[in-house]
Amino acid sequence: MKVSSEFSKYANKYDEYSIIQDKVAKKLLSMVKDEPKYILDLGCGSGRLSKDITWKYEKLLGIDFALGMIDIHPRAKNIECMYGDFNDSALFRDKLSKYNFDYILSASALQWSDDIEKTFKDIKSLNSSVALAIFTSNTFSTLYKTASLKPLLPTKEKVYELQKRYFNINFEIVEYKLKFNNVRDMFKYIKRSGVSGSRNILTFKQMKKLMDEYPLDYLEFEVVFVSS
């Protein structure tokens, strides 16, 4: 199943499970300078950033490839939502280039880029300040080691190298932990929150083995913040 379809499937429950994403969004907004008036939100989801912005702005354009998320995103005179995939360079060339954005924001989305270098290049083409929060391969590190699986997400080293090439701005690494009462709740969170892209990467047998052997009562997250 496509990642976009899975995000749509759990859209109505997403905010109940987006604990870490909420923390990430608040930190990201704290890094934004000068109270920008014209904002692009790439991978806007259910509208966490638009809900948390405290300053007055003229226009926020939210882009997402999950129709279920767009359906529940807040709407207002100064908020517009558009279906679009940041993996598609035509979105930037044919649509987004027609706008003049003060700031490009993206919280907890760009880790799912098919080609993060190409996405950075497309973002750079819009000539705007940026504040980007990207989950890295150290997210769920113990889970992947226990299951003998390779991480799905880009490494912090790769993101750092690319941001130096395309932006050369502030780079910060933040680690989070989220505790659970039991392993079953933990895996329910993974499925519903979107931090794994809702990808079914384990067989039933592998999942049972992992639930029996996982040594921690928490999940690890690592997020890099790239900001002008």
Protein backbone atom coordinates (compact mmCIF):
# COMPACT_ATOMS: atom_id res chain seq x y z
CA MET A 1 0.00 0.00 0.00
CA LYS A 2 1.29 3.48 -0.83
CA VAL A 3 2.40 5.61 2.09
CA SER A 4 -0.03 8.34 1.03
CA SER A 5 -2.95 5.89 1.21
CA GLU A 6 -1.91 4.73 4.68
CA PHE A 7 -1.73 8.31 5.96
CA SER A 8 -5.23 8.89 4.58
CA LYS A 9 -6.47 5.67 6.19
CA TYR A 10 -5.48 6.85 9.67
CA ALA A 11 -6.07 10.59 9.13
CA ASN A 12 -8.92 10.91 11.63
CA LYS A 13 -6.86 9.22 14.36
CA TYR A 14 -3.54 10.86 13.49
CA ASP A 15 -3.64 13.70 16.04
CA GLU A 16 -4.29 11.24 18.87
CA TYR A 17 -0.96 9.54 18.21
CA SER A 18 1.23 12.40 16.96
CA ILE A 19 2.88 13.12 20.31
CA ILE A 20 6.43 13.44 19.03
CA GLN A 21 5.32 15.27 15.89
CA ASP A 22 3.64 17.86 18.12
CA LYS A 23 6.91 18.45 19.96
CA VAL A 24 8.76 18.68 16.66
CA ALA A 25 6.28 21.19 15.23
CA LYS A 26 6.54 23.47 18.27
CA LYS A 27 10.33 23.42 18.21
CA LEU A 28 10.39 24.05 14.48
CA LEU A 29 8.17 27.11 14.81
CA SER A 30 10.36 28.45 17.62
CA MET A 31 13.21 28.56 15.10
CA VAL A 32 11.32 30.66 12.55
CA LYS A 33 12.48 34.27 12.33
CA ASP A 34 10.70 37.55 11.59
CA GLU A 35 7.06 36.30 11.66
CA PRO A 36 6.77 35.52 7.93
CA LYS A 37 3.56 36.52 6.15
CA TYR A 38 3.56 34.10 3.19
CA ILE A 39 4.20 30.50 4.20
CA LEU A 40 4.47 27.17 2.39
CA ASP A 41 3.93 24.04 4.50
CA LEU A 42 5.26 20.95 2.70
CA GLY A 43 3.65 17.75 3.96
CA CYS A 44 1.11 19.78 5.94
CA GLY A 45 -0.82 16.73 7.18
CA SER A 46 -3.76 17.54 9.42
CA GLY A 47 -2.54 21.09 9.98
CA ARG A 48 -0.36 20.91 13.09
CA LEU A 49 1.83 23.84 12.02
CA SER A 50 -1.10 26.04 11.06
CA LYS A 51 -2.68 25.37 14.47
CA ASP A 52 0.51 26.23 16.36
CA ILE A 53 1.55 29.41 14.54
CA THR A 54 1.09 32.30 16.96
CA TRP A 55 1.72 35.28 14.70
CA LYS A 56 -0.55 36.83 12.08
CA TYR A 57 0.18 35.87 8.49
CA GLU A 58 -1.36 36.70 5.14
CA LYS A 59 -1.25 33.29 3.49
CA LEU A 60 -0.40 29.70 4.34
CA LEU A 61 -0.41 27.15 1.54
CA GLY A 62 -0.41 23.54 2.74
CA ILE A 63 0.71 20.76 0.42
CA ASP A 64 0.10 17.06 1.09
CA PHE A 65 -0.18 13.85 -0.91
CA ALA A 66 -2.73 12.25 1.45
CA LEU A 67 -6.24 13.39 0.59
CA GLY A 68 -7.52 12.21 3.97
CA MET A 69 -5.14 14.63 5.68
CA ILE A 70 -6.08 17.54 3.43
CA ASP A 71 -9.76 16.89 4.16
CA ILE A 72 -9.27 17.56 7.88
CA HIS A 73 -6.75 20.41 7.57
CA PRO A 74 -8.08 23.74 8.95
CA ARG A 75 -9.47 26.14 6.35
CA ALA A 76 -9.66 29.92 6.56
CA LYS A 77 -9.40 32.97 4.31
CA ASN A 78 -5.65 32.92 4.76
CA ILE A 79 -5.23 29.10 4.63
CA GLU A 80 -5.28 27.16 1.37
CA CYS A 81 -4.62 23.44 0.87
CA MET A 82 -3.45 21.81 -2.32
CA TYR A 83 -3.01 18.16 -3.22
CA GLY A 84 0.59 17.62 -4.26
CA ASP A 85 3.59 15.36 -3.86
CA PHE A 86 6.90 16.98 -2.94
CA ASN A 87 8.58 14.12 -4.83
CA ASP A 88 7.27 15.67 -8.05
CA SER A 89 9.51 18.43 -9.41
CA ALA A 90 6.62 19.61 -11.59
CA LEU A 91 4.79 20.70 -8.43
CA PHE A 92 7.57 23.19 -7.71
CA ARG A 93 8.16 24.22 -11.31
CA ASP A 94 4.56 24.59 -12.51
CA LYS A 95 2.65 25.57 -9.36
CA LEU A 96 4.70 26.65 -6.37
CA SER A 97 7.07 28.84 -8.38
CA LYS A 98 4.12 31.16 -9.07
CA TYR A 99 3.98 32.12 -5.38
CA ASN A 100 6.36 34.35 -3.44
CA PHE A 101 6.90 32.63 -0.09
CA ASP A 102 8.72 34.25 2.82
CA TYR A 103 9.25 30.88 4.47
CA ILE A 104 9.04 27.20 3.59
CA LEU A 105 8.17 24.97 6.54
CA SER A 106 8.11 21.20 6.75
CA ALA A 107 7.67 19.20 9.96
CA SER A 108 8.03 15.40 10.08
CA ALA A 109 7.47 14.84 6.36
CA LEU A 110 10.60 15.11 4.22
CA GLN A 111 12.09 11.85 5.55
CA TRP A 112 9.64 10.14 3.18
CA SER A 113 11.09 11.82 0.12
CA ASP A 114 11.93 9.33 -2.61
CA ASP A 115 15.08 11.34 -3.37
CA ILE A 116 15.83 13.83 -0.61
CA GLU A 117 18.57 15.53 -2.63
CA LYS A 118 16.15 16.25 -5.45
CA THR A 119 13.59 17.52 -2.95
CA PHE A 120 16.16 19.86 -1.37
CA LYS A 121 17.07 21.11 -4.84
CA ASP A 122 13.40 21.79 -5.62
CA ILE A 123 12.93 23.61 -2.31
CA LYS A 124 16.04 25.67 -3.01
CA SER A 125 14.58 26.70 -6.38
CA LEU A 126 11.84 28.69 -4.60
CA ASN A 127 14.42 31.07 -3.06
CA SER A 128 12.79 31.26 0.36
CA SER A 129 13.97 30.93 3.94
CA VAL A 130 13.39 27.44 5.32
CA ALA A 131 12.71 25.60 8.57
CA LEU A 132 12.67 21.83 8.07
CA ALA A 133 12.37 18.99 10.60
CA ILE A 134 13.35 15.54 9.33
CA PHE A 135 13.31 12.23 11.19
CA THR A 136 16.52 10.24 10.70
CA SER A 137 17.62 6.61 10.60
CA ASN A 138 18.29 6.62 14.36
CA THR A 139 14.54 6.79 14.90
CA PHE A 140 13.52 3.36 16.27
CA SER A 141 17.19 2.35 16.30
CA THR A 142 16.80 -0.37 18.96
CA LEU A 143 13.71 -1.73 17.25
CA TYR A 144 15.57 -2.12 13.96
CA LYS A 145 18.59 -3.70 15.64
CA THR A 146 16.39 -6.15 17.54
CA ALA A 147 14.59 -7.13 14.35
CA SER A 148 17.81 -7.19 12.27
CA LEU A 149 16.35 -4.72 9.81
CA LYS A 150 17.86 -1.80 7.94
CA PRO A 151 16.39 1.62 8.81
CA LEU A 152 14.03 3.19 6.28
CA LEU A 153 15.03 6.80 6.83
CA PRO A 154 18.04 8.89 5.78
CA THR A 155 20.98 9.25 8.14
CA LYS A 156 21.71 12.55 9.89
CA GLU A 157 25.06 12.55 8.07
CA LYS A 158 23.34 12.42 4.69
CA VAL A 159 20.93 15.21 5.61
CA TYR A 160 23.80 17.33 6.93
CA GLU A 161 25.81 16.84 3.74
CA LEU A 162 22.85 17.80 1.56
CA GLN A 163 21.83 20.83 3.60
CA LYS A 164 25.41 22.13 3.39
CA ARG A 165 25.28 21.72 -0.36
CA TYR A 166 21.90 23.38 -0.91
CA PHE A 167 21.33 25.68 2.09
CA ASN A 168 24.41 25.92 4.34
CA ILE A 169 22.35 27.11 7.30
CA ASN A 170 21.71 26.10 10.93
CA PHE A 171 21.69 22.36 11.63
CA GLU A 172 20.59 20.86 14.94
CA ILE A 173 20.07 17.26 16.07
CA VAL A 174 17.46 16.53 18.74
CA GLU A 175 16.71 13.15 20.33
CA TYR A 176 13.36 12.22 21.86
CA LYS A 177 12.08 9.23 23.84
CA LEU A 178 8.49 8.10 24.22
CA LYS A 179 7.60 5.60 26.97
CA PHE A 180 4.83 3.01 26.83
CA ASN A 181 3.06 0.82 29.37
CA ASN A 182 3.52 -2.26 27.21
CA VAL A 183 4.91 -3.38 23.87
CA ARG A 184 1.45 -3.79 22.34
CA ASP A 185 0.69 -0.11 22.89
CA MET A 186 4.07 0.71 21.42
CA PHE A 187 3.36 -1.09 18.17
CA LYS A 188 -0.12 0.40 17.99
CA TYR A 189 1.51 3.82 18.21
CA ILE A 190 3.97 2.97 15.44
CA LYS A 191 1.12 1.95 13.14
CA ARG A 192 -1.13 4.94 13.80
CA SER A 193 1.34 7.81 14.19
CA GLY A 194 2.93 7.80 10.75
CA VAL A 195 6.50 7.88 12.05
CA SER A 196 7.18 4.62 10.25
CA GLY A 197 5.37 5.68 7.10
CA SER A 198 2.87 2.97 8.07
CA ARG A 199 4.94 0.47 6.12
CA ASN A 200 4.32 -3.16 6.94
CA ILE A 201 7.94 -4.30 7.09
CA LEU A 202 7.54 -7.35 9.35
CA THR A 203 5.82 -10.69 8.93
CA PHE A 204 3.52 -11.86 11.73
CA LYS A 205 6.24 -14.21 12.99
CA GLN A 206 8.85 -11.43 12.97
CA MET A 207 6.46 -9.08 14.76
CA LYS A 208 5.75 -11.62 17.51
CA LYS A 209 9.47 -12.27 17.97
CA LEU A 210 10.16 -8.54 18.17
CA MET A 211 7.40 -7.98 20.71
CA ASP A 212 8.87 -10.78 22.86
CA GLU A 213 12.47 -9.55 22.62
CA TYR A 214 12.29 -5.76 22.46
CA PRO A 215 14.40 -4.70 25.48
CA LEU A 216 13.09 -1.18 26.19
CA ASP A 217 9.90 0.42 27.46
CA TYR A 218 10.32 3.36 25.08
CA LEU A 219 10.97 4.24 21.45
CA GLU A 220 13.84 6.47 20.34
CA PHE A 221 13.48 9.27 17.84
CA GLU A 222 16.12 11.44 16.21
CA VAL A 223 15.16 14.59 14.33
CA VAL A 224 17.38 17.06 12.47
CA PHE A 225 16.30 20.68 12.22
CA VAL A 226 17.52 22.73 9.27
CA SER A 227 16.70 26.42 9.59
CA SER A 228 17.64 29.78 8.09
